Amino acid sequence: MVIKIYVFDKSDGRCLYEDTGNPEYVIADLGDDKDFTLTPPPDNSKQWRWVDGEWI
């Protein structure tokens, strides 16, 4: 199984990057200062932030 996750900074919600691969490995690679969502940002028009379960 392969998944795509969208990684964001826990402190400010800033979208950092996307990662694709085996769930065990892509999630295990996250540091304590990062979290992820399966929901992609709407577009690349601005620096998105993940706040309260949505990109703003």
Protein backbone atom coordinates (compact mmCIF):
# COMPACT_ATOMS: atom_id res chain seq x y z
CA MET A 1 0.00 0.00 0.00
CA VAL A 2 1.22 3.50 -0.86
CA ILE A 3 -0.14 6.73 0.63
CA LYS A 4 0.50 10.43 0.09
CA ILE A 5 0.72 12.63 3.18
CA TYR A 6 0.99 16.40 3.50
CA VAL A 7 3.42 17.37 6.23
CA PHE A 8 3.04 20.53 8.28
CA ASP A 9 4.88 22.20 11.15
CA LYS A 10 3.12 21.59 14.49
CA SER A 11 3.98 25.01 15.90
CA ASP A 12 2.47 27.19 13.17
CA GLY A 13 0.65 24.80 10.80
CA ARG A 14 2.82 25.82 7.84
CA CYS A 15 2.72 23.30 4.97
CA LEU A 16 6.25 21.93 4.53
CA TYR A 17 6.13 19.18 1.90
CA GLU A 18 4.29 16.11 0.63
CA ASP A 19 5.61 12.57 0.95
CA THR A 20 4.54 9.38 -0.80
CA GLY A 21 5.31 5.82 0.21
CA ASN A 22 4.65 2.99 2.61
CA PRO A 23 2.60 4.35 5.55
CA GLU A 24 4.93 2.83 8.15
CA TYR A 25 7.96 4.61 6.72
CA VAL A 26 6.59 8.01 5.72
CA ILE A 27 4.91 8.47 9.10
CA ALA A 28 7.92 7.12 11.03
CA ASP A 29 10.16 9.69 9.28
CA LEU A 30 8.25 12.62 10.81
CA GLY A 31 10.04 14.42 13.60
CA ASP A 32 8.39 15.47 16.85
CA ASP A 33 7.93 18.97 15.43
CA LYS A 34 5.88 17.80 12.41
CA ASP A 35 2.44 16.30 11.83
CA PHE A 36 0.54 15.28 8.70
CA THR A 37 -2.83 15.18 6.99
CA LEU A 38 -4.16 13.21 4.03
CA THR A 39 -5.98 16.31 2.75
CA PRO A 40 -3.99 18.21 0.10
CA PRO A 41 -3.71 22.01 0.14
CA PRO A 42 -6.11 23.61 -2.38
CA ASP A 43 -3.35 24.89 -4.68
CA ASN A 44 0.13 26.42 -4.73
CA SER A 45 -1.04 30.03 -4.88
CA LYS A 46 0.08 30.83 -1.32
CA GLN A 47 1.73 29.40 1.80
CA TRP A 48 -1.07 27.33 3.32
CA ARG A 49 -1.43 26.57 7.03
CA TRP A 50 -3.27 23.62 8.62
CA VAL A 51 -5.52 25.06 11.36
CA ASP A 52 -8.39 23.26 13.13
CA GLY A 53 -8.61 20.51 10.52
CA GLU A 54 -8.51 22.65 7.37
CA TRP A 55 -6.10 24.54 5.14
CA ILE A 56 -6.34 28.31 5.51
